[in-house]
Amino acid sequence: MSRISMDQVKHVAHLARLGITEQEAEKFTKQLDQIISFAEQLNELDTENVEPTSHVLDIKNVMREDVAKQGLPVEEVLKNAPDSKDGQIRVPSILD
């Protein structure tokens, strides 16, 4: 029994804005069903004494202290801007 239908594959393709043919939908349905079958094998593993983890290595995020300091002078920042007016960076309008 298939765990995923062709309609579901077509729906996901539509959501992803992918145009797929009937043959591709059939092929992807079979492939995705095989992937789901493989993933379901993980349910057979005994994970009773396994702690949840988000990464296999014990990695700590090292960040500097968030200390406020003086930024660049406005004139220097505006040198890099392609267009500016009255001390502000001008960008194209996106709203009517």
PDB file of N, CA and C in Angstrom:
ATOM      1  N   MET A   1       0.839  -1.185   0.000  1.00  0.00           N
ATOM      2  CA  MET A   1       0.000   0.000   0.000  1.00  0.00           C
ATOM      3  C   MET A   1       0.883   1.247   0.000  1.00  0.00           C
ATOM      4  N   SER A   2       0.588   2.163  -0.865  1.00  0.00           N
ATOM      5  CA  SER A   2       1.367   3.385  -0.983  1.00  0.00           C
ATOM      6  C   SER A   2       1.056   4.325   0.180  1.00  0.00           C
ATOM      7  N   ARG A   3       2.092   4.921   0.725  1.00  0.00           N
ATOM      8  CA  ARG A   3       1.934   5.848   1.848  1.00  0.00           C
ATOM      9  C   ARG A   3       1.692   7.275   1.385  1.00  0.00           C
ATOM     10  N   ILE A   4       1.854   7.481   0.091  1.00  0.00           N
ATOM     11  CA  ILE A   4       1.651   8.816  -0.479  1.00  0.00           C
ATOM     12  C   ILE A   4       0.958   8.647  -1.830  1.00  0.00           C
ATOM     13  N   SER A   5       0.030   9.519  -2.117  1.00  0.00           N
ATOM     14  CA  SER A   5      -0.727   9.401  -3.360  1.00  0.00           C
ATOM     15  C   SER A   5      -0.172  10.348  -4.421  1.00  0.00           C
ATOM     16  N   MET A   6      -0.554  10.088  -5.655  1.00  0.00           N
ATOM     17  CA  MET A   6      -0.139  10.977  -6.748  1.00  0.00           C
ATOM     18  C   MET A   6      -0.723  12.369  -6.545  1.00  0.00           C
ATOM     19  N   ASP A   7      -1.952  12.441  -6.002  1.00  0.00           N
ATOM     20  CA  ASP A   7      -2.559  13.753  -5.746  1.00  0.00           C
ATOM     21  C   ASP A   7      -1.738  14.542  -4.737  1.00  0.00           C
ATOM     22  N   GLN A   8      -1.217  13.859  -3.723  1.00  0.00           N
ATOM     23  CA  GLN A   8      -0.377  14.544  -2.741  1.00  0.00           C
ATOM     24  C   GLN A   8       0.919  15.036  -3.382  1.00  0.00           C
ATOM     25  N   VAL A   9       1.508  14.222  -4.234  1.00  0.00           N
ATOM     26  CA  VAL A   9       2.734  14.623  -4.931  1.00  0.00           C
ATOM     27  C   VAL A   9       2.462  15.837  -5.813  1.00  0.00           C
ATOM     28  N   LYS A  10       1.362  15.808  -6.531  1.00  0.00           N
ATOM     29  CA  LYS A  10       1.002  16.945  -7.393  1.00  0.00           C
ATOM     30  C   LYS A  10       0.738  18.192  -6.558  1.00  0.00           C
ATOM     31  N   HIS A  11       0.114  18.012  -5.397  1.00  0.00           N
ATOM     32  CA  HIS A  11      -0.171  19.151  -4.524  1.00  0.00           C
ATOM     33  C   HIS A  11       1.128  19.787  -4.020  1.00  0.00           C
ATOM     34  N   VAL A  12       2.068  18.940  -3.585  1.00  0.00           N
ATOM     35  CA  VAL A  12       3.353  19.462  -3.112  1.00  0.00           C
ATOM     36  C   VAL A  12       4.104  20.143  -4.254  1.00  0.00           C
ATOM     37  N   ALA A  13       4.056  19.560  -5.435  1.00  0.00           N
ATOM     38  CA  ALA A  13       4.704  20.177  -6.599  1.00  0.00           C
ATOM     39  C   ALA A  13       4.080  21.540  -6.889  1.00  0.00           C
ATOM     40  N   HIS A  14       2.768  21.624  -6.772  1.00  0.00           N
ATOM     41  CA  HIS A  14       2.071  22.898  -6.988  1.00  0.00           C
ATOM     42  C   HIS A  14       2.515  23.927  -5.945  1.00  0.00           C
ATOM     43  N   LEU A  15       2.589  23.512  -4.684  1.00  0.00           N
ATOM     44  CA  LEU A  15       3.024  24.429  -3.618  1.00  0.00           C
ATOM     45  C   LEU A  15       4.449  24.920  -3.851  1.00  0.00           C
ATOM     46  N   ALA A  16       5.284  24.041  -4.418  1.00  0.00           N
ATOM     47  CA  ALA A  16       6.679  24.399  -4.699  1.00  0.00           C
ATOM     48  C   ALA A  16       6.826  25.100  -6.046  1.00  0.00           C
ATOM     49  N   ARG A  17       5.696  25.320  -6.708  1.00  0.00           N
ATOM     50  CA  ARG A  17       5.671  25.976  -8.027  1.00  0.00           C
ATOM     51  C   ARG A  17       6.485  25.195  -9.050  1.00  0.00           C
ATOM     52  N   LEU A  18       6.338  23.852  -9.004  1.00  0.00           N
ATOM     53  CA  LEU A  18       7.018  22.977  -9.949  1.00  0.00           C
ATOM     54  C   LEU A  18       5.997  22.409 -10.921  1.00  0.00           C
ATOM     55  N   GLY A  19       6.298  22.473 -12.181  1.00  0.00           N
ATOM     56  CA  GLY A  19       5.444  21.857 -13.179  1.00  0.00           C
ATOM     57  C   GLY A  19       5.941  20.446 -13.450  1.00  0.00           C
ATOM     58  N   ILE A  20       5.110  19.445 -13.147  1.00  0.00           N
ATOM     59  CA  ILE A  20       5.529  18.067 -13.376  1.00  0.00           C
ATOM     60  C   ILE A  20       4.494  17.371 -14.264  1.00  0.00           C
ATOM     61  N   THR A  21       4.993  16.431 -15.047  1.00  0.00           N
ATOM     62  CA  THR A  21       4.113  15.662 -15.932  1.00  0.00           C
ATOM     63  C   THR A  21       3.500  14.499 -15.148  1.00  0.00           C
ATOM     64  N   GLU A  22       2.550  13.813 -15.775  1.00  0.00           N
ATOM     65  CA  GLU A  22       1.932  12.637 -15.147  1.00  0.00           C
ATOM     66  C   GLU A  22       2.987  11.554 -14.885  1.00  0.00           C
ATOM     67  N   GLN A  23       3.907  11.378 -15.843  1.00  0.00           N
ATOM     68  CA  GLN A  23       4.950  10.370 -15.685  1.00  0.00           C
ATOM     69  C   GLN A  23       5.876  10.733 -14.510  1.00  0.00           C
ATOM     70  N   GLU A  24       6.207  12.007 -14.400  1.00  0.00           N
ATOM     71  CA  GLU A  24       7.058  12.441 -13.291  1.00  0.00           C
ATOM     72  C   GLU A  24       6.331  12.272 -11.960  1.00  0.00           C
ATOM     73  N   ALA A  25       5.035  12.601 -11.928  1.00  0.00           N
ATOM     74  CA  ALA A  25       4.260  12.444 -10.699  1.00  0.00           C
ATOM     75  C   ALA A  25       4.237  10.984 -10.271  1.00  0.00           C
ATOM     76  N   GLU A  26       4.079  10.087 -11.225  1.00  0.00           N
ATOM     77  CA  GLU A  26       4.073   8.655 -10.915  1.00  0.00           C
ATOM     78  C   GLU A  26       5.435   8.208 -10.390  1.00  0.00           C
ATOM     79  N   LYS A  27       6.493   8.677 -11.050  1.00  0.00           N
ATOM     80  CA  LYS A  27       7.855   8.326 -10.647  1.00  0.00           C
ATOM     81  C   LYS A  27       8.144   8.855  -9.239  1.00  0.00           C
ATOM     82  N   PHE A  28       7.787  10.120  -8.984  1.00  0.00           N
ATOM     83  CA  PHE A  28       8.047  10.722  -7.682  1.00  0.00           C
ATOM     84  C   PHE A  28       7.213  10.063  -6.585  1.00  0.00           C
ATOM     85  N   THR A  29       5.999   9.626  -6.926  1.00  0.00           N
ATOM     86  CA  THR A  29       5.164   8.934  -5.948  1.00  0.00           C
ATOM     87  C   THR A  29       5.857   7.661  -5.484  1.00  0.00           C
ATOM     88  N   LYS A  30       6.398   6.888  -6.424  1.00  0.00           N
ATOM     89  CA  LYS A  30       7.110   5.647  -6.079  1.00  0.00           C
ATOM     90  C   LYS A  30       8.364   5.960  -5.256  1.00  0.00           C
ATOM     91  N   GLN A  31       9.122   6.974  -5.682  1.00  0.00           N
ATOM     92  CA  GLN A  31      10.356   7.312  -4.981  1.00  0.00           C
ATOM     93  C   GLN A  31      10.075   7.810  -3.564  1.00  0.00           C
ATOM     94  N   LEU A  32       9.073   8.671  -3.416  1.00  0.00           N
ATOM     95  CA  LEU A  32       8.743   9.187  -2.093  1.00  0.00           C
ATOM     96  C   LEU A  32       8.203   8.087  -1.187  1.00  0.00           C
ATOM     97  N   ASP A  33       7.470   7.140  -1.754  1.00  0.00           N
ATOM     98  CA  ASP A  33       6.985   6.009  -0.975  1.00  0.00           C
ATOM     99  C   ASP A  33       8.159   5.183  -0.449  1.00  0.00           C
ATOM    100  N   GLN A  34       9.190   4.995  -1.278  1.00  0.00           N
ATOM    101  CA  GLN A  34      10.379   4.269  -0.839  1.00  0.00           C
ATOM    102  C   GLN A  34      11.114   5.032   0.271  1.00  0.00           C
ATOM    103  N   ILE A  35      11.170   6.352   0.149  1.00  0.00           N
ATOM    104  CA  ILE A  35      11.828   7.175   1.178  1.00  0.00           C
ATOM    105  C   ILE A  35      11.069   7.071   2.494  1.00  0.00           C
ATOM    106  N   ILE A  36       9.740   7.137   2.424  1.00  0.00           N
ATOM    107  CA  ILE A  36       8.923   7.021   3.637  1.00  0.00           C
ATOM    108  C   ILE A  36       9.108   5.647   4.267  1.00  0.00           C
ATOM    109  N   SER A  37       9.157   4.595   3.452  1.00  0.00           N
ATOM    110  CA  SER A  37       9.385   3.238   3.968  1.00  0.00           C
ATOM    111  C   SER A  37      10.717   3.156   4.696  1.00  0.00           C
ATOM    112  N   PHE A  38      11.736   3.745   4.109  1.00  0.00           N
ATOM    113  CA  PHE A  38      13.057   3.736   4.740  1.00  0.00           C
ATOM    114  C   PHE A  38      13.017   4.485   6.063  1.00  0.00           C
ATOM    115  N   ALA A  39      12.362   5.653   6.088  1.00  0.00           N
ATOM    116  CA  ALA A  39      12.279   6.441   7.315  1.00  0.00           C
ATOM    117  C   ALA A  39      11.480   5.716   8.388  1.00  0.00           C
ATOM    118  N   GLU A  40      10.469   4.950   7.997  1.00  0.00           N
ATOM    119  CA  GLU A  40       9.669   4.207   8.967  1.00  0.00           C
ATOM    120  C   GLU A  40      10.477   3.112   9.661  1.00  0.00           C
ATOM    121  N   GLN A  41      11.545   2.661   9.043  1.00  0.00           N
ATOM    122  CA  GLN A  41      12.405   1.661   9.670  1.00  0.00           C
ATOM    123  C   GLN A  41      13.014   2.199  10.964  1.00  0.00           C
ATOM    124  N   LEU A  42      13.160   3.507  11.051  1.00  0.00           N
ATOM    125  CA  LEU A  42      13.723   4.111  12.263  1.00  0.00           C
ATOM    126  C   LEU A  42      12.819   3.884  13.469  1.00  0.00           C
ATOM    127  N   ASN A  43      11.512   3.710  13.237  1.00  0.00           N
ATOM    128  CA  ASN A  43      10.585   3.440  14.336  1.00  0.00           C
ATOM    129  C   ASN A  43      10.857   2.088  14.993  1.00  0.00           C
ATOM    130  N   GLU A  44      11.555   1.205  14.316  1.00  0.00           N
ATOM    131  CA  GLU A  44      11.854  -0.111  14.854  1.00  0.00           C
ATOM    132  C   GLU A  44      13.033  -0.084  15.836  1.00  0.00           C
ATOM    133  N   LEU A  45      13.779   1.016  15.853  1.00  0.00           N
ATOM    134  CA  LEU A  45      14.942   1.106  16.734  1.00  0.00           C
ATOM    135  C   LEU A  45      14.510   1.368  18.170  1.00  0.00           C
ATOM    136  N   ASP A  46      15.262   0.785  19.117  1.00  0.00           N
ATOM    137  CA  ASP A  46      15.009   1.026  20.531  1.00  0.00           C
ATOM    138  C   ASP A  46      15.746   2.303  20.937  1.00  0.00           C
ATOM    139  N   THR A  47      15.007   3.358  21.185  1.00  0.00           N
ATOM    140  CA  THR A  47      15.597   4.647  21.559  1.00  0.00           C
ATOM    141  C   THR A  47      15.228   5.021  22.993  1.00  0.00           C
ATOM    142  N   GLU A  48      14.887   4.020  23.793  1.00  0.00           N
ATOM    143  CA  GLU A  48      14.423   4.249  25.164  1.00  0.00           C
ATOM    144  C   GLU A  48      15.428   5.046  25.993  1.00  0.00           C
ATOM    145  N   ASN A  49      16.706   4.682  25.921  1.00  0.00           N
ATOM    146  CA  ASN A  49      17.723   5.331  26.765  1.00  0.00           C
ATOM    147  C   ASN A  49      18.587   6.321  25.994  1.00  0.00           C
ATOM    148  N   VAL A  50      18.093   6.822  24.879  1.00  0.00           N
ATOM    149  CA  VAL A  50      18.852   7.770  24.069  1.00  0.00           C
ATOM    150  C   VAL A  50      18.314   9.171  24.337  1.00  0.00           C
ATOM    151  N   GLU A  51      19.204  10.046  24.769  1.00  0.00           N
ATOM    152  CA  GLU A  51      18.783  11.425  25.043  1.00  0.00           C
ATOM    153  C   GLU A  51      18.539  12.163  23.729  1.00  0.00           C
ATOM    154  N   PRO A  52      17.506  12.998  23.698  1.00  0.00           N
ATOM    155  CA  PRO A  52      17.274  13.804  22.489  1.00  0.00           C
ATOM    156  C   PRO A  52      18.458  14.741  22.244  1.00  0.00           C
ATOM    157  N   THR A  53      18.780  14.938  20.989  1.00  0.00           N
ATOM    158  CA  THR A  53      19.885  15.821  20.645  1.00  0.00           C
ATOM    159  C   THR A  53      19.585  16.517  19.327  1.00  0.00           C
ATOM    160  N   SER A  54      20.130  17.687  19.171  1.00  0.00           N
ATOM    161  CA  SER A  54      19.949  18.400  17.914  1.00  0.00           C
ATOM    162  C   SER A  54      21.202  18.323  17.051  1.00  0.00           C
ATOM    163  N   HIS A  55      22.303  17.838  17.652  1.00  0.00           N
ATOM    164  CA  HIS A  55      23.561  17.740  16.922  1.00  0.00           C
ATOM    165  C   HIS A  55      24.381  16.619  17.534  1.00  0.00           C
ATOM    166  N   VAL A  56      25.094  15.884  16.709  1.00  0.00           N
ATOM    167  CA  VAL A  56      25.864  14.748  17.221  1.00  0.00           C
ATOM    168  C   VAL A  56      27.099  15.191  18.001  1.00  0.00           C
ATOM    169  N   LEU A  57      27.591  16.388  17.741  1.00  0.00           N
ATOM    170  CA  LEU A  57      28.753  16.900  18.461  1.00  0.00           C
ATOM    171  C   LEU A  57      28.296  17.901  19.516  1.00  0.00           C
ATOM    172  N   ASP A  58      29.019  17.959  20.621  1.00  0.00           N
ATOM    173  CA  ASP A  58      28.690  18.895  21.689  1.00  0.00           C
ATOM    174  C   ASP A  58      29.281  20.259  21.333  1.00  0.00           C
ATOM    175  N   ILE A  59      28.531  21.030  20.569  1.00  0.00           N
ATOM    176  CA  ILE A  59      29.013  22.327  20.096  1.00  0.00           C
ATOM    177  C   ILE A  59      28.323  23.432  20.886  1.00  0.00           C
ATOM    178  N   LYS A  60      29.096  24.363  21.353  1.00  0.00           N
ATOM    179  CA  LYS A  60      28.564  25.528  22.061  1.00  0.00           C
ATOM    180  C   LYS A  60      28.740  26.749  21.167  1.00  0.00           C
ATOM    181  N   ASN A  61      27.736  27.594  21.133  1.00  0.00           N
ATOM    182  CA  ASN A  61      27.800  28.815  20.354  1.00  0.00           C
ATOM    183  C   ASN A  61      28.569  29.857  21.160  1.00  0.00           C
ATOM    184  N   VAL A  62      29.711  30.268  20.656  1.00  0.00           N
ATOM    185  CA  VAL A  62      30.539  31.235  21.355  1.00  0.00           C
ATOM    186  C   VAL A  62      30.280  32.601  20.745  1.00  0.00           C
ATOM    187  N   MET A  63      29.745  33.477  21.580  1.00  0.00           N
ATOM    188  CA  MET A  63      29.433  34.826  21.095  1.00  0.00           C
ATOM    189  C   MET A  63      30.082  35.846  22.017  1.00  0.00           C
ATOM    190  N   ARG A  64      30.447  36.942  21.429  1.00  0.00           N
ATOM    191  CA  ARG A  64      31.036  38.009  22.238  1.00  0.00           C
ATOM    192  C   ARG A  64      29.940  38.696  23.044  1.00  0.00           C
ATOM    193  N   GLU A  65      30.359  39.440  24.053  1.00  0.00           N
ATOM    194  CA  GLU A  65      29.398  40.196  24.836  1.00  0.00           C
ATOM    195  C   GLU A  65      28.798  41.294  23.973  1.00  0.00           C
ATOM    196  N   ASP A  66      27.536  41.551  24.171  1.00  0.00           N
ATOM    197  CA  ASP A  66      26.850  42.590  23.415  1.00  0.00           C
ATOM    198  C   ASP A  66      27.080  43.929  24.106  1.00  0.00           C
ATOM    199  N   VAL A  67      28.092  44.641  23.615  1.00  0.00           N
ATOM    200  CA  VAL A  67      28.477  45.911  24.216  1.00  0.00           C
ATOM    201  C   VAL A  67      28.244  47.019  23.195  1.00  0.00           C
ATOM    202  N   ALA A  68      27.531  48.050  23.623  1.00  0.00           N
ATOM    203  CA  ALA A  68      27.274  49.187  22.733  1.00  0.00           C
ATOM    204  C   ALA A  68      28.553  49.980  22.546  1.00  0.00           C
ATOM    205  N   LYS A  69      28.815  50.378  21.300  1.00  0.00           N
ATOM    206  CA  LYS A  69      29.981  51.210  21.029  1.00  0.00           C
ATOM    207  C   LYS A  69      29.645  52.160  19.882  1.00  0.00           C
ATOM    208  N   GLN A  70      30.466  53.138  19.700  1.00  0.00           N
ATOM    209  CA  GLN A  70      30.243  54.151  18.683  1.00  0.00           C
ATOM    210  C   GLN A  70      30.299  53.526  17.289  1.00  0.00           C
ATOM    211  N   GLY A  71      29.310  53.838  16.442  1.00  0.00           N
ATOM    212  CA  GLY A  71      29.282  53.337  15.075  1.00  0.00           C
ATOM    213  C   GLY A  71      30.076  54.224  14.143  1.00  0.00           C
ATOM    214  N   LEU A  72      29.967  53.931  12.858  1.00  0.00           N
ATOM    215  CA  LEU A  72      30.662  54.723  11.853  1.00  0.00           C
ATOM    216  C   LEU A  72      30.004  56.093  11.714  1.00  0.00           C
ATOM    217  N   PRO A  73      30.760  57.096  11.327  1.00  0.00           N
ATOM    218  CA  PRO A  73      30.164  58.406  11.063  1.00  0.00           C
ATOM    219  C   PRO A  73      29.206  58.312   9.864  1.00  0.00           C
ATOM    220  N   VAL A  74      28.111  59.070   9.919  1.00  0.00           N
ATOM    221  CA  VAL A  74      27.088  59.029   8.874  1.00  0.00           C
ATOM    222  C   VAL A  74      27.702  59.330   7.511  1.00  0.00           C
ATOM    223  N   GLU A  75      28.607  60.278   7.445  1.00  0.00           N
ATOM    224  CA  GLU A  75      29.215  60.651   6.166  1.00  0.00           C
ATOM    225  C   GLU A  75      29.960  59.458   5.543  1.00  0.00           C
ATOM    226  N   GLU A  76      30.633  58.688   6.379  1.00  0.00           N
ATOM    227  CA  GLU A  76      31.386  57.540   5.868  1.00  0.00           C
ATOM    228  C   GLU A  76      30.428  56.440   5.377  1.00  0.00           C
ATOM    229  N   VAL A  77      29.348  56.235   6.096  1.00  0.00           N
ATOM    230  CA  VAL A  77      28.364  55.233   5.690  1.00  0.00           C
ATOM    231  C   VAL A  77      27.730  55.636   4.369  1.00  0.00           C
ATOM    232  N   LEU A  78      27.383  56.905   4.212  1.00  0.00           N
ATOM    233  CA  LEU A  78      26.713  57.379   3.006  1.00  0.00           C
ATOM    234  C   LEU A  78      27.625  57.337   1.781  1.00  0.00           C
ATOM    235  N   LYS A  79      28.948  57.283   1.980  1.00  0.00           N
ATOM    236  CA  LYS A  79      29.875  57.147   0.846  1.00  0.00           C
ATOM    237  C   LYS A  79      29.617  55.838   0.104  1.00  0.00           C
ATOM    238  N   ASN A  80      29.198  54.798   0.816  1.00  0.00           N
ATOM    239  CA  ASN A  80      28.973  53.491   0.213  1.00  0.00           C
ATOM    240  C   ASN A  80      27.579  53.338  -0.371  1.00  0.00           C
ATOM    241  N   ALA A  81      26.692  54.273  -0.080  1.00  0.00           N
ATOM    242  CA  ALA A  81      25.310  54.175  -0.565  1.00  0.00           C
ATOM    243  C   ALA A  81      25.238  54.668  -2.004  1.00  0.00           C
ATOM    244  N   PRO A  82      24.519  53.948  -2.883  1.00  0.00           N
ATOM    245  CA  PRO A  82      24.407  54.401  -4.266  1.00  0.00           C
ATOM    246  C   PRO A  82      23.594  55.690  -4.393  1.00  0.00           C
ATOM    247  N   ASP A  83      22.673  55.944  -3.441  1.00  0.00           N
ATOM    248  CA  ASP A  83      21.844  57.152  -3.500  1.00  0.00           C
ATOM    249  C   ASP A  83      21.487  57.559  -2.075  1.00  0.00           C
ATOM    250  N   SER A  84      21.628  58.846  -1.772  1.00  0.00           N
ATOM    251  CA  SER A  84      21.275  59.329  -0.438  1.00  0.00           C
ATOM    252  C   SER A  84      20.708  60.736  -0.537  1.00  0.00           C
ATOM    253  N   LYS A  85      19.954  61.104   0.505  1.00  0.00           N
ATOM    254  CA  LYS A  85      19.362  62.437   0.564  1.00  0.00           C
ATOM    255  C   LYS A  85      19.104  62.774   2.025  1.00  0.00           C
ATOM    256  N   ASP A  86      19.504  63.956   2.443  1.00  0.00           N
ATOM    257  CA  ASP A  86      19.281  64.452   3.800  1.00  0.00           C
ATOM    258  C   ASP A  86      19.808  63.479   4.861  1.00  0.00           C
ATOM    259  N   GLY A  87      20.970  62.878   4.635  1.00  0.00           N
ATOM    260  CA  GLY A  87      21.576  61.989   5.612  1.00  0.00           C
ATOM    261  C   GLY A  87      20.936  60.607   5.679  1.00  0.00           C
ATOM    262  N   GLN A  88      20.111  60.263   4.709  1.00  0.00           N
ATOM    263  CA  GLN A  88      19.435  58.961   4.675  1.00  0.00           C
ATOM    264  C   GLN A  88      19.793  58.239   3.377  1.00  0.00           C
ATOM    265  N   ILE A  89      19.793  56.914   3.425  1.00  0.00           N
ATOM    266  CA  ILE A  89      20.016  56.118   2.226  1.00  0.00           C
ATOM    267  C   ILE A  89      18.686  56.002   1.500  1.00  0.00           C
ATOM    268  N   ARG A  90      18.673  56.342   0.216  1.00  0.00           N
ATOM    269  CA  ARG A  90      17.453  56.250  -0.580  1.00  0.00           C
ATOM    270  C   ARG A  90      17.387  54.903  -1.271  1.00  0.00           C
ATOM    271  N   VAL A  91      16.196  54.313  -1.226  1.00  0.00           N
ATOM    272  CA  VAL A  91      15.973  53.023  -1.888  1.00  0.00           C
ATOM    273  C   VAL A  91      14.748  53.153  -2.764  1.00  0.00           C
ATOM    274  N   PRO A  92      14.601  52.268  -3.758  1.00  0.00           N
ATOM    275  CA  PRO A  92      13.412  52.344  -4.605  1.00  0.00           C
ATOM    276  C   PRO A  92      12.140  52.104  -3.788  1.00  0.00           C
ATOM    277  N   SER A  93      11.098  52.820  -4.127  1.00  0.00           N
ATOM    278  CA  SER A  93       9.807  52.673  -3.454  1.00  0.00           C
ATOM    279  C   SER A  93       9.185  51.319  -3.817  1.00  0.00           C
ATOM    280  N   ILE A  94       8.617  50.646  -2.807  1.00  0.00           N
ATOM    281  CA  ILE A  94       7.968  49.369  -3.077  1.00  0.00           C
ATOM    282  C   ILE A  94       6.465  49.439  -2.842  1.00  0.00           C
ATOM    283  N   LEU A  95       5.997  50.552  -2.311  1.00  0.00           N
ATOM    284  CA  LEU A  95       4.568  50.727  -2.061  1.00  0.00           C
ATOM    285  C   LEU A  95       4.039  51.844  -2.931  1.00  0.00           C
ATOM    286  N   ASP A  96       2.815  51.694  -3.350  1.00  0.00           N
ATOM    287  CA  ASP A  96       2.205  52.757  -4.151  1.00  0.00           C
ATOM    288  C   ASP A  96       1.716  53.885  -3.271  1.00  0.00           C
TER     289      ASP A  96
END
